Amino acid sequence: MPVRPLFPTLVYTAPLQGAGRLALNRELLKETRQIREHDVAGRQWSARRYPGGYTSYGSLCHLQKMSSTFAALERKLQRHVSAYVKSLELEMAGRALVMTDCWVNVMGRQVAHGLHLHPLATISGTYYVQAPRGCSGLKLEDPRLDRFMGAPPRRSDCRPENRPWVTIPARAGHLVLFESWLRHEVPTNQSAGERVSISFNYNWF
């Protein structure tokens, strides 16, 4: 074909898979609630920077090293991260890609998470523990957006790869992986229930 895609942005989505996934989710949800209850510093941090919600990012961000349950999640994620690295064709010979950060996020009704990226990381991702019907998905920004300048708007029915924004629905038991430089946000949660996710970073340096 005369038109070919160049410089693609690859995003990985999949169910966690593996035996015991539902049991693991129950334990992750239980521990998340326990962490929130006891993490005074995290609740204070969230009150200033994550209004209405809770995240352990500013207080307990190495949960894979503190909890056997989160360590089990890390092990289950490894096959997905390896598959994603293969798709990206990253040269990892002699380089170890490891989980450096892991934290929980709880978003109640009307809570949002603004546009951001994850500096000093290679691959980032989110695993959904609880995703009530109608809760917000993960909204990804086209990294070329600030260079469009005089481009006309895209057609409303254009393919996902041509859209300036793409939202990946949140589904319990599923994960999303993306390169850490990709800007993303979580729009306001319109569901009545709590949206519970676990975010993480992988790094090789």
N, C-alpha and C. Protein backbone atom coordinates (compact mmCIF):
# COMPACT_ATOMS: atom_id res chain seq x y z
N MET A 1 0.84 -1.20 0.00
CA MET A 1 0.00 0.00 0.00
C MET A 1 0.88 1.25 0.00
N PRO A 2 0.42 2.34 -0.61
CA PRO A 2 1.23 3.56 -0.64
C PRO A 2 1.33 4.26 0.71
N VAL A 3 0.37 4.00 1.59
CA VAL A 3 0.40 4.61 2.93
C VAL A 3 0.78 3.53 3.94
N ARG A 4 1.76 3.83 4.76
CA ARG A 4 2.19 2.86 5.77
C ARG A 4 2.34 3.56 7.12
N PRO A 5 2.08 2.85 8.21
CA PRO A 5 2.20 3.46 9.54
C PRO A 5 3.67 3.56 9.96
N LEU A 6 4.05 4.69 10.51
CA LEU A 6 5.39 4.88 11.04
C LEU A 6 5.27 5.45 12.46
N PHE A 7 6.27 5.19 13.28
CA PHE A 7 6.30 5.70 14.65
C PHE A 7 5.03 5.35 15.43
N PRO A 8 4.62 4.09 15.44
CA PRO A 8 3.38 3.74 16.16
C PRO A 8 3.56 3.80 17.67
N THR A 9 2.47 4.04 18.35
CA THR A 9 2.43 3.98 19.80
C THR A 9 1.74 2.68 20.17
N LEU A 10 2.47 1.75 20.73
CA LEU A 10 1.92 0.44 21.04
C LEU A 10 1.46 0.38 22.50
N VAL A 11 0.23 -0.08 22.70
CA VAL A 11 -0.36 -0.23 24.03
C VAL A 11 -0.83 -1.66 24.17
N TYR A 12 -0.54 -2.26 25.31
CA TYR A 12 -0.85 -3.67 25.56
C TYR A 12 -2.03 -3.77 26.53
N THR A 13 -3.04 -4.56 26.18
CA THR A 13 -4.17 -4.82 27.06
C THR A 13 -4.46 -6.31 27.06
N ALA A 14 -4.76 -6.87 28.24
CA ALA A 14 -5.03 -8.29 28.33
C ALA A 14 -5.60 -8.62 29.70
N PRO A 15 -6.34 -9.75 29.78
CA PRO A 15 -6.71 -10.25 31.11
C PRO A 15 -5.47 -10.82 31.78
N LEU A 16 -5.44 -10.79 33.10
CA LEU A 16 -4.27 -11.27 33.82
C LEU A 16 -4.03 -12.75 33.56
N GLN A 17 -5.08 -13.54 33.49
CA GLN A 17 -5.02 -14.98 33.24
C GLN A 17 -4.32 -15.71 34.39
N GLY A 18 -4.27 -17.02 34.25
CA GLY A 18 -3.63 -17.83 35.28
C GLY A 18 -4.61 -18.27 36.34
N ALA A 19 -4.34 -19.42 36.94
CA ALA A 19 -5.20 -19.96 37.99
C ALA A 19 -5.17 -19.05 39.21
N GLY A 20 -6.31 -18.96 39.87
CA GLY A 20 -6.39 -18.20 41.11
C GLY A 20 -6.53 -16.71 40.95
N ARG A 21 -6.90 -16.25 39.76
CA ARG A 21 -7.00 -14.81 39.54
C ARG A 21 -8.07 -14.17 40.41
N LEU A 22 -9.23 -14.82 40.52
CA LEU A 22 -10.31 -14.25 41.32
C LEU A 22 -9.94 -14.19 42.79
N ALA A 23 -9.28 -15.25 43.27
CA ALA A 23 -8.84 -15.26 44.67
C ALA A 23 -7.80 -14.17 44.91
N LEU A 24 -6.90 -13.99 43.94
CA LEU A 24 -5.89 -12.94 44.07
C LEU A 24 -6.55 -11.57 44.12
N ASN A 25 -7.57 -11.35 43.28
CA ASN A 25 -8.27 -10.07 43.28
C ASN A 25 -8.93 -9.79 44.64
N ARG A 26 -9.51 -10.83 45.22
CA ARG A 26 -10.15 -10.65 46.53
C ARG A 26 -9.11 -10.24 47.57
N GLU A 27 -7.94 -10.87 47.53
CA GLU A 27 -6.89 -10.53 48.49
C GLU A 27 -6.33 -9.13 48.23
N LEU A 28 -6.18 -8.78 46.97
CA LEU A 28 -5.68 -7.44 46.64
C LEU A 28 -6.65 -6.36 47.11
N LEU A 29 -7.95 -6.60 46.93
CA LEU A 29 -8.95 -5.64 47.37
C LEU A 29 -8.95 -5.53 48.90
N LYS A 30 -8.85 -6.66 49.56
CA LYS A 30 -8.80 -6.67 51.03
C LYS A 30 -7.59 -5.89 51.54
N GLU A 31 -6.43 -6.15 50.95
CA GLU A 31 -5.21 -5.48 51.41
C GLU A 31 -5.23 -3.99 51.06
N THR A 32 -5.81 -3.64 49.92
CA THR A 32 -5.92 -2.23 49.56
C THR A 32 -6.71 -1.47 50.60
N ARG A 33 -7.80 -2.03 51.04
CA ARG A 33 -8.62 -1.39 52.06
C ARG A 33 -7.88 -1.28 53.39
N GLN A 34 -7.11 -2.33 53.72
CA GLN A 34 -6.32 -2.29 54.95
C GLN A 34 -5.23 -1.23 54.87
N ILE A 35 -4.59 -1.16 53.71
CA ILE A 35 -3.53 -0.15 53.52
C ILE A 35 -4.10 1.25 53.68
N ARG A 36 -5.24 1.50 53.04
CA ARG A 36 -5.85 2.83 53.15
C ARG A 36 -6.22 3.16 54.59
N GLU A 37 -6.73 2.19 55.31
CA GLU A 37 -7.14 2.42 56.69
C GLU A 37 -5.96 2.82 57.59
N HIS A 38 -4.81 2.18 57.37
CA HIS A 38 -3.67 2.39 58.27
C HIS A 38 -2.67 3.43 57.76
N ASP A 39 -2.79 3.82 56.50
CA ASP A 39 -1.80 4.72 55.90
C ASP A 39 -2.19 6.18 56.13
N VAL A 40 -1.88 6.69 57.32
CA VAL A 40 -2.22 8.07 57.65
C VAL A 40 -1.51 9.05 56.72
N ALA A 41 -0.21 8.83 56.51
CA ALA A 41 0.57 9.71 55.63
C ALA A 41 0.00 9.72 54.21
N GLY A 42 -0.41 8.55 53.74
CA GLY A 42 -0.97 8.46 52.40
C GLY A 42 -2.30 9.17 52.28
N ARG A 43 -3.13 9.10 53.30
CA ARG A 43 -4.41 9.80 53.27
C ARG A 43 -4.18 11.31 53.30
N GLN A 44 -3.20 11.74 54.06
CA GLN A 44 -2.89 13.18 54.09
C GLN A 44 -2.35 13.64 52.75
N TRP A 45 -1.46 12.85 52.14
CA TRP A 45 -0.91 13.17 50.82
C TRP A 45 -2.03 13.24 49.79
N SER A 46 -2.95 12.28 49.86
CA SER A 46 -4.05 12.23 48.90
C SER A 46 -5.00 13.40 49.07
N ALA A 47 -5.22 13.84 50.30
CA ALA A 47 -6.12 14.97 50.55
C ALA A 47 -5.63 16.23 49.85
N ARG A 48 -4.31 16.37 49.73
CA ARG A 48 -3.73 17.55 49.08
C ARG A 48 -3.63 17.39 47.56
N ARG A 49 -3.33 16.19 47.11
CA ARG A 49 -3.01 16.00 45.69
C ARG A 49 -3.97 15.09 44.92
N TYR A 50 -4.89 14.43 45.61
CA TYR A 50 -5.81 13.48 44.98
C TYR A 50 -7.18 13.64 45.65
N PRO A 51 -7.78 14.83 45.58
CA PRO A 51 -8.99 15.15 46.34
C PRO A 51 -10.11 14.13 46.14
N GLY A 52 -10.61 13.63 47.26
CA GLY A 52 -11.72 12.68 47.22
C GLY A 52 -11.31 11.24 47.04
N GLY A 53 -10.06 11.01 46.66
CA GLY A 53 -9.60 9.66 46.43
C GLY A 53 -8.46 9.28 47.37
N TYR A 54 -7.93 8.10 47.16
CA TYR A 54 -6.78 7.67 47.95
C TYR A 54 -5.77 6.98 47.03
N THR A 55 -4.50 7.31 47.22
CA THR A 55 -3.42 6.61 46.54
C THR A 55 -2.27 6.46 47.52
N SER A 56 -1.57 5.36 47.43
CA SER A 56 -0.40 5.14 48.29
C SER A 56 0.88 5.60 47.58
N TYR A 57 0.75 6.28 46.45
CA TYR A 57 1.91 6.69 45.67
C TYR A 57 2.89 7.53 46.48
N GLY A 58 2.38 8.43 47.31
CA GLY A 58 3.26 9.32 48.06
C GLY A 58 3.73 8.77 49.38
N SER A 59 3.34 7.54 49.72
CA SER A 59 3.69 7.00 51.03
C SER A 59 4.19 5.56 50.96
N LEU A 60 3.47 4.70 50.26
CA LEU A 60 3.82 3.28 50.16
C LEU A 60 3.81 2.91 48.68
N CYS A 61 4.95 3.07 48.02
CA CYS A 61 4.98 2.87 46.56
C CYS A 61 5.88 1.70 46.14
N HIS A 62 6.18 0.80 47.10
CA HIS A 62 6.94 -0.41 46.77
C HIS A 62 6.21 -1.62 47.35
N LEU A 63 4.93 -1.71 47.08
CA LEU A 63 4.10 -2.74 47.70
C LEU A 63 4.52 -4.14 47.30
N GLN A 64 5.14 -4.30 46.14
CA GLN A 64 5.58 -5.63 45.71
C GLN A 64 6.69 -6.17 46.61
N LYS A 65 7.34 -5.28 47.36
CA LYS A 65 8.41 -5.69 48.27
C LYS A 65 7.91 -5.82 49.71
N MET A 66 6.67 -5.39 49.95
CA MET A 66 6.13 -5.36 51.31
C MET A 66 5.06 -6.41 51.56
N SER A 67 4.47 -6.94 50.49
CA SER A 67 3.33 -7.84 50.62
C SER A 67 3.48 -9.04 49.69
N SER A 68 3.23 -10.22 50.21
CA SER A 68 3.31 -11.43 49.38
C SER A 68 2.20 -11.43 48.33
N THR A 69 1.08 -10.78 48.63
CA THR A 69 -0.02 -10.71 47.67
C THR A 69 0.36 -9.85 46.48
N PHE A 70 0.97 -8.72 46.73
CA PHE A 70 1.41 -7.86 45.63
C PHE A 70 2.61 -8.47 44.90
N ALA A 71 3.43 -9.23 45.61
CA ALA A 71 4.53 -9.96 44.95
C ALA A 71 3.97 -11.02 44.01
N ALA A 72 2.86 -11.65 44.39
CA ALA A 72 2.22 -12.63 43.51
C ALA A 72 1.70 -11.95 42.25
N LEU A 73 1.15 -10.75 42.40
CA LEU A 73 0.71 -10.00 41.22
C LEU A 73 1.90 -9.69 40.32
N GLU A 74 3.01 -9.29 40.90
CA GLU A 74 4.21 -9.01 40.12
C GLU A 74 4.63 -10.22 39.28
N ARG A 75 4.58 -11.39 39.88
CA ARG A 75 4.95 -12.61 39.15
C ARG A 75 4.00 -12.86 37.98
N LYS A 76 2.70 -12.64 38.19
CA LYS A 76 1.73 -12.86 37.12
C LYS A 76 1.85 -11.82 36.00
N LEU A 77 2.30 -10.63 36.37
CA LEU A 77 2.47 -9.58 35.36
C LEU A 77 3.67 -9.83 34.46
N GLN A 78 4.65 -10.60 34.93
CA GLN A 78 5.92 -10.72 34.23
C GLN A 78 5.76 -11.24 32.80
N ARG A 79 4.90 -12.22 32.60
CA ARG A 79 4.73 -12.77 31.25
C ARG A 79 4.14 -11.73 30.30
N HIS A 80 3.27 -10.86 30.83
CA HIS A 80 2.68 -9.81 30.00
C HIS A 80 3.71 -8.74 29.66
N VAL A 81 4.52 -8.37 30.65
CA VAL A 81 5.56 -7.38 30.40
C VAL A 81 6.56 -7.92 29.37
N SER A 82 6.91 -9.18 29.49
CA SER A 82 7.85 -9.79 28.53
C SER A 82 7.27 -9.78 27.12
N ALA A 83 5.97 -10.09 26.99
CA ALA A 83 5.33 -10.08 25.68
C ALA A 83 5.29 -8.67 25.09
N TYR A 84 5.05 -7.69 25.94
CA TYR A 84 5.01 -6.30 25.48
C TYR A 84 6.39 -5.84 25.03
N VAL A 85 7.40 -6.17 25.80
CA VAL A 85 8.78 -5.81 25.44
C VAL A 85 9.14 -6.42 24.09
N LYS A 86 8.70 -7.64 23.85
CA LYS A 86 8.97 -8.30 22.57
C LYS A 86 8.30 -7.55 21.42
N SER A 87 7.06 -7.10 21.64
CA SER A 87 6.34 -6.34 20.60
C SER A 87 7.01 -5.00 20.32
N LEU A 88 7.57 -4.39 21.35
CA LEU A 88 8.26 -3.11 21.19
C LEU A 88 9.64 -3.27 20.56
N GLU A 89 10.12 -4.51 20.52
CA GLU A 89 11.44 -4.82 19.98
C GLU A 89 12.55 -4.06 20.72
N LEU A 90 12.42 -4.02 22.03
CA LEU A 90 13.46 -3.39 22.85
C LEU A 90 14.65 -4.34 22.98
N GLU A 91 15.82 -3.81 22.89
CA GLU A 91 17.04 -4.62 23.03
C GLU A 91 17.36 -4.74 24.52
N MET A 92 17.01 -5.90 25.10
CA MET A 92 17.18 -6.07 26.54
C MET A 92 18.30 -7.05 26.89
N ALA A 93 19.08 -7.46 25.92
CA ALA A 93 20.19 -8.37 26.21
C ALA A 93 21.14 -7.71 27.21
N GLY A 94 21.37 -8.38 28.33
CA GLY A 94 22.25 -7.84 29.35
C GLY A 94 21.62 -6.75 30.20
N ARG A 95 20.32 -6.50 30.01
CA ARG A 95 19.61 -5.49 30.77
C ARG A 95 18.45 -6.13 31.52
N ALA A 96 18.31 -5.81 32.76
CA ALA A 96 17.22 -6.36 33.56
C ALA A 96 16.11 -5.33 33.71
N LEU A 97 14.90 -5.69 33.24
CA LEU A 97 13.74 -4.82 33.39
C LEU A 97 12.98 -5.28 34.63
N VAL A 98 12.93 -4.44 35.65
CA VAL A 98 12.33 -4.86 36.93
C VAL A 98 11.27 -3.87 37.38
N MET A 99 10.34 -4.36 38.17
CA MET A 99 9.32 -3.50 38.76
C MET A 99 9.98 -2.65 39.84
N THR A 100 9.94 -1.35 39.68
CA THR A 100 10.56 -0.45 40.65
C THR A 100 9.55 0.18 41.59
N ASP A 101 8.31 0.35 41.14
CA ASP A 101 7.29 0.99 41.95
C ASP A 101 5.97 0.25 41.78
N CYS A 102 5.18 0.22 42.85
CA CYS A 102 3.85 -0.41 42.80
C CYS A 102 3.01 0.22 43.90
N TRP A 103 1.85 0.77 43.52
CA TRP A 103 1.02 1.47 44.50
C TRP A 103 -0.45 1.28 44.16
N VAL A 104 -1.32 1.57 45.12
CA VAL A 104 -2.76 1.38 44.93
C VAL A 104 -3.45 2.73 44.73
N ASN A 105 -4.57 2.69 44.04
CA ASN A 105 -5.40 3.88 43.79
C ASN A 105 -6.86 3.52 44.03
N VAL A 106 -7.55 4.36 44.78
CA VAL A 106 -8.98 4.18 45.02
C VAL A 106 -9.68 5.47 44.61
N MET A 107 -10.56 5.37 43.62
CA MET A 107 -11.29 6.53 43.12
C MET A 107 -12.77 6.36 43.41
N GLY A 108 -13.30 7.22 44.29
CA GLY A 108 -14.73 7.24 44.52
C GLY A 108 -15.43 8.08 43.47
N ARG A 109 -16.69 8.31 43.67
CA ARG A 109 -17.48 9.10 42.73
C ARG A 109 -16.94 10.53 42.64
N GLN A 110 -16.85 11.05 41.43
CA GLN A 110 -16.41 12.41 41.13
C GLN A 110 -14.90 12.63 41.30
N VAL A 111 -14.15 11.57 41.51
CA VAL A 111 -12.70 11.69 41.62
C VAL A 111 -12.09 11.55 40.22
N ALA A 112 -11.08 12.37 39.94
CA ALA A 112 -10.38 12.33 38.65
C ALA A 112 -8.88 12.32 38.90
N HIS A 113 -8.13 11.88 37.89
CA HIS A 113 -6.66 11.89 37.97
C HIS A 113 -6.16 12.61 36.72
N GLY A 114 -5.53 13.76 36.92
CA GLY A 114 -5.16 14.63 35.81
C GLY A 114 -4.09 14.06 34.89
N LEU A 115 -3.91 14.75 33.78
CA LEU A 115 -2.98 14.34 32.74
C LEU A 115 -1.54 14.32 33.27
N HIS A 116 -0.83 13.22 33.01
CA HIS A 116 0.54 13.08 33.51
C HIS A 116 1.25 11.97 32.75
N LEU A 117 2.54 11.84 33.01
CA LEU A 117 3.33 10.71 32.52
C LEU A 117 4.18 10.21 33.68
N HIS A 118 5.00 9.19 33.44
CA HIS A 118 5.81 8.60 34.50
C HIS A 118 7.29 8.76 34.16
N PRO A 119 7.90 9.85 34.59
CA PRO A 119 9.33 10.06 34.28
C PRO A 119 10.21 9.05 34.99
N LEU A 120 11.40 8.83 34.44
CA LEU A 120 12.38 7.91 35.02
C LEU A 120 11.86 6.49 35.10
N ALA A 121 11.01 6.11 34.16
CA ALA A 121 10.54 4.73 34.05
C ALA A 121 10.51 4.36 32.57
N THR A 122 10.47 3.07 32.30
CA THR A 122 10.47 2.57 30.92
C THR A 122 9.08 2.12 30.48
N ILE A 123 8.49 1.24 31.29
CA ILE A 123 7.15 0.74 31.02
C ILE A 123 6.30 0.95 32.27
N SER A 124 5.11 1.46 32.07
CA SER A 124 4.18 1.66 33.17
C SER A 124 2.89 0.91 32.87
N GLY A 125 2.08 0.74 33.90
CA GLY A 125 0.84 0.03 33.67
C GLY A 125 -0.10 0.11 34.84
N THR A 126 -1.28 -0.43 34.62
CA THR A 126 -2.34 -0.47 35.62
C THR A 126 -3.04 -1.82 35.56
N TYR A 127 -3.31 -2.36 36.73
CA TYR A 127 -4.12 -3.58 36.84
C TYR A 127 -5.39 -3.21 37.61
N TYR A 128 -6.54 -3.60 37.06
CA TYR A 128 -7.81 -3.24 37.67
C TYR A 128 -8.30 -4.34 38.61
N VAL A 129 -8.46 -3.97 39.87
CA VAL A 129 -8.94 -4.90 40.88
C VAL A 129 -10.46 -4.84 40.95
N GLN A 130 -11.01 -3.64 40.91
CA GLN A 130 -12.46 -3.44 40.97
C GLN A 130 -12.82 -2.30 40.02
N ALA A 131 -13.75 -2.57 39.13
CA ALA A 131 -14.15 -1.57 38.13
C ALA A 131 -15.67 -1.57 38.02
N PRO A 132 -16.36 -0.76 38.83
CA PRO A 132 -17.81 -0.72 38.78
C PRO A 132 -18.33 -0.30 37.41
N ARG A 133 -19.52 -0.75 37.11
CA ARG A 133 -20.14 -0.39 35.83
C ARG A 133 -20.21 1.12 35.68
N GLY A 134 -19.71 1.63 34.56
CA GLY A 134 -19.76 3.05 34.28
C GLY A 134 -18.59 3.85 34.81
N CYS A 135 -17.60 3.17 35.41
CA CYS A 135 -16.45 3.91 35.92
C CYS A 135 -15.53 4.36 34.78
N SER A 136 -14.66 5.28 35.07
CA SER A 136 -13.78 5.86 34.05
C SER A 136 -12.76 4.86 33.56
N GLY A 137 -12.41 4.98 32.29
CA GLY A 137 -11.33 4.20 31.73
C GLY A 137 -10.03 4.99 31.77
N LEU A 138 -9.02 4.46 31.10
CA LEU A 138 -7.71 5.12 31.02
C LEU A 138 -7.66 5.88 29.69
N LYS A 139 -7.54 7.19 29.76
CA LYS A 139 -7.55 8.04 28.57
C LYS A 139 -6.11 8.35 28.15
N LEU A 140 -5.76 7.97 26.94
CA LEU A 140 -4.40 8.13 26.41
C LEU A 140 -4.37 9.25 25.38
N GLU A 141 -3.31 10.04 25.44
CA GLU A 141 -3.16 11.19 24.54
C GLU A 141 -2.19 10.86 23.41
N ASP A 142 -2.56 11.24 22.20
CA ASP A 142 -1.65 11.13 21.06
C ASP A 142 -0.40 11.96 21.36
N PRO A 143 0.80 11.34 21.39
CA PRO A 143 2.00 12.11 21.75
C PRO A 143 2.37 13.19 20.73
N ARG A 144 1.73 13.19 19.56
CA ARG A 144 2.02 14.21 18.55
C ARG A 144 1.08 15.41 18.64
N LEU A 145 0.21 15.41 19.63
CA LEU A 145 -0.89 16.36 19.67
C LEU A 145 -0.43 17.82 19.59
N ASP A 146 0.67 18.15 20.25
CA ASP A 146 1.12 19.55 20.25
C ASP A 146 1.80 19.94 18.95
N ARG A 147 1.88 19.02 17.99
CA ARG A 147 2.51 19.32 16.70
C ARG A 147 1.50 19.34 15.55
N PHE A 148 0.23 19.16 15.84
CA PHE A 148 -0.77 19.11 14.78
C PHE A 148 -0.96 20.47 14.12
N MET A 149 -0.81 21.53 14.86
CA MET A 149 -0.89 22.91 14.36
C MET A 149 -2.10 23.12 13.46
N GLY A 150 -1.92 23.21 12.14
CA GLY A 150 -3.02 23.58 11.25
C GLY A 150 -3.86 22.42 10.76
N ALA A 151 -3.74 21.24 11.38
CA ALA A 151 -4.49 20.07 10.90
C ALA A 151 -5.99 20.22 11.18
N PRO A 152 -6.87 19.86 10.24
CA PRO A 152 -8.31 19.86 10.50
C PRO A 152 -8.64 18.83 11.58
N PRO A 153 -9.80 18.92 12.19
CA PRO A 153 -10.20 17.90 13.17
C PRO A 153 -10.36 16.54 12.50
N ARG A 154 -10.18 15.49 13.28
CA ARG A 154 -10.38 14.14 12.76
C ARG A 154 -11.87 13.84 12.61
N ARG A 155 -12.20 12.99 11.66
CA ARG A 155 -13.58 12.54 11.51
C ARG A 155 -14.03 11.80 12.76
N SER A 156 -15.29 11.91 13.11
CA SER A 156 -15.81 11.27 14.32
C SER A 156 -15.75 9.75 14.26
N ASP A 157 -15.73 9.20 13.04
CA ASP A 157 -15.70 7.74 12.89
C ASP A 157 -14.31 7.23 12.49
N CYS A 158 -13.27 8.03 12.73
CA CYS A 158 -11.93 7.60 12.31
C CYS A 158 -11.44 6.42 13.15
N ARG A 159 -10.45 5.70 12.63
CA ARG A 159 -9.91 4.56 13.32
C ARG A 159 -9.24 4.99 14.62
N PRO A 160 -9.19 4.11 15.63
CA PRO A 160 -8.58 4.47 16.91
C PRO A 160 -7.17 5.02 16.78
N GLU A 161 -6.38 4.47 15.85
CA GLU A 161 -4.99 4.92 15.73
C GLU A 161 -4.87 6.33 15.17
N ASN A 162 -5.96 6.88 14.66
CA ASN A 162 -5.93 8.25 14.14
C ASN A 162 -6.61 9.26 15.06
N ARG A 163 -7.07 8.81 16.21
CA ARG A 163 -7.75 9.71 17.13
C ARG A 163 -6.75 10.41 18.04
N PRO A 164 -7.02 11.67 18.41
CA PRO A 164 -6.11 12.38 19.31
C PRO A 164 -6.18 11.85 20.74
N TRP A 165 -7.30 11.25 21.11
CA TRP A 165 -7.47 10.65 22.43
C TRP A 165 -8.13 9.28 22.26
N VAL A 166 -7.68 8.32 23.04
CA VAL A 166 -8.31 7.00 23.05
C VAL A 166 -8.49 6.58 24.50
N THR A 167 -9.68 6.12 24.85
CA THR A 167 -9.95 5.67 26.21
C THR A 167 -10.09 4.16 26.24
N ILE A 168 -9.30 3.52 27.07
CA ILE A 168 -9.36 2.07 27.26
C ILE A 168 -10.22 1.79 28.47
N PRO A 169 -11.32 1.06 28.31
CA PRO A 169 -12.22 0.82 29.45
C PRO A 169 -11.52 0.08 30.59
N ALA A 170 -11.92 0.41 31.81
CA ALA A 170 -11.41 -0.30 32.98
C ALA A 170 -12.23 -1.57 33.18
N ARG A 171 -11.54 -2.71 33.27
CA ARG A 171 -12.22 -4.00 33.47
C ARG A 171 -11.50 -4.77 34.55
N ALA A 172 -12.22 -5.17 35.57
CA ALA A 172 -11.61 -5.91 36.67
C ALA A 172 -10.93 -7.17 36.14
N GLY A 173 -9.71 -7.42 36.61
CA GLY A 173 -8.96 -8.59 36.17
C GLY A 173 -8.16 -8.37 34.91
N HIS A 174 -8.19 -7.15 34.37
CA HIS A 174 -7.43 -6.83 33.15
C HIS A 174 -6.33 -5.82 33.46
N LEU A 175 -5.33 -5.79 32.59
CA LEU A 175 -4.23 -4.86 32.76
C LEU A 175 -3.97 -4.09 31.48
N VAL A 176 -3.34 -2.94 31.64
CA VAL A 176 -2.91 -2.11 30.52
C VAL A 176 -1.44 -1.78 30.72
N LEU A 177 -0.64 -1.93 29.66
CA LEU A 177 0.77 -1.56 29.70
C LEU A 177 1.03 -0.54 28.60
N PHE A 178 1.89 0.43 28.90
CA PHE A 178 2.24 1.45 27.92
C PHE A 178 3.64 1.97 28.25
N GLU A 179 4.27 2.58 27.24
CA GLU A 179 5.57 3.18 27.51
C GLU A 179 5.39 4.41 28.39
N SER A 180 6.30 4.60 29.32
CA SER A 180 6.10 5.56 30.41
C SER A 180 6.04 7.01 29.94
N TRP A 181 6.53 7.31 28.74
CA TRP A 181 6.49 8.68 28.23
C TRP A 181 5.10 9.07 27.71
N LEU A 182 4.20 8.11 27.60
CA LEU A 182 2.88 8.39 27.02
C LEU A 182 1.98 9.07 28.07
N ARG A 183 1.51 10.26 27.74
CA ARG A 183 0.68 10.98 28.70
C ARG A 183 -0.72 10.35 28.76
N HIS A 184 -1.27 10.35 29.97
CA HIS A 184 -2.55 9.70 30.20
C HIS A 184 -3.25 10.34 31.39
N GLU A 185 -4.54 10.06 31.51
CA GLU A 185 -5.33 10.58 32.62
C GLU A 185 -6.51 9.65 32.87
N VAL A 186 -7.17 9.86 34.01
CA VAL A 186 -8.41 9.15 34.30
C VAL A 186 -9.49 10.20 34.51
N PRO A 187 -10.46 10.29 33.60
CA PRO A 187 -11.52 11.29 33.74
C PRO A 187 -12.34 11.03 35.01
N THR A 188 -13.21 11.97 35.32
CA THR A 188 -14.03 11.89 36.53
C THR A 188 -14.82 10.59 36.59
N ASN A 189 -14.73 9.92 37.73
CA ASN A 189 -15.45 8.67 37.93
C ASN A 189 -16.92 8.97 38.17
N GLN A 190 -17.77 8.51 37.26
CA GLN A 190 -19.20 8.78 37.36
C GLN A 190 -19.97 7.65 38.02
N SER A 191 -19.29 6.55 38.35
CA SER A 191 -19.99 5.43 38.96
C SER A 191 -20.15 5.66 40.46
N ALA A 192 -21.11 4.96 41.06
CA ALA A 192 -21.35 5.10 42.49
C ALA A 192 -20.32 4.34 43.30
N GLY A 193 -19.75 3.28 42.73
CA GLY A 193 -18.80 2.45 43.45
C GLY A 193 -17.37 2.95 43.33
N GLU A 194 -16.49 2.35 44.11
CA GLU A 194 -15.08 2.71 44.08
C GLU A 194 -14.34 1.97 42.97
N ARG A 195 -13.59 2.71 42.21
CA ARG A 195 -12.72 2.16 41.17
C ARG A 195 -11.36 1.90 41.81
N VAL A 196 -10.94 0.64 41.87
CA VAL A 196 -9.71 0.27 42.56
C VAL A 196 -8.71 -0.29 41.55
N SER A 197 -7.54 0.30 41.52
CA SER A 197 -6.51 -0.16 40.58
C SER A 197 -5.15 -0.18 41.26
N ILE A 198 -4.24 -0.91 40.65
CA ILE A 198 -2.86 -0.98 41.11
C ILE A 198 -1.99 -0.51 39.96
N SER A 199 -1.20 0.51 40.19
CA SER A 199 -0.32 1.04 39.16
C SER A 199 1.12 0.64 39.45
N PHE A 200 1.95 0.63 38.40
CA PHE A 200 3.32 0.15 38.59
C PHE A 200 4.22 0.69 37.49
N ASN A 201 5.50 0.72 37.78
CA ASN A 201 6.53 1.11 36.82
C ASN A 201 7.58 0.01 36.73
N TYR A 202 8.14 -0.14 35.52
CA TYR A 202 9.28 -1.03 35.29
C TYR A 202 10.42 -0.18 34.74
N ASN A 203 11.62 -0.52 35.15
CA ASN A 203 12.79 0.24 34.73
C ASN A 203 13.96 -0.69 34.49
N TRP A 204 14.90 -0.25 33.67
CA TRP A 204 16.09 -1.07 33.40
C TRP A 204 17.38 -0.33 33.78
N PHE A 205 17.30 0.91 34.25
CA PHE A 205 18.50 1.66 34.59
C PHE A 205 18.43 2.19 36.00
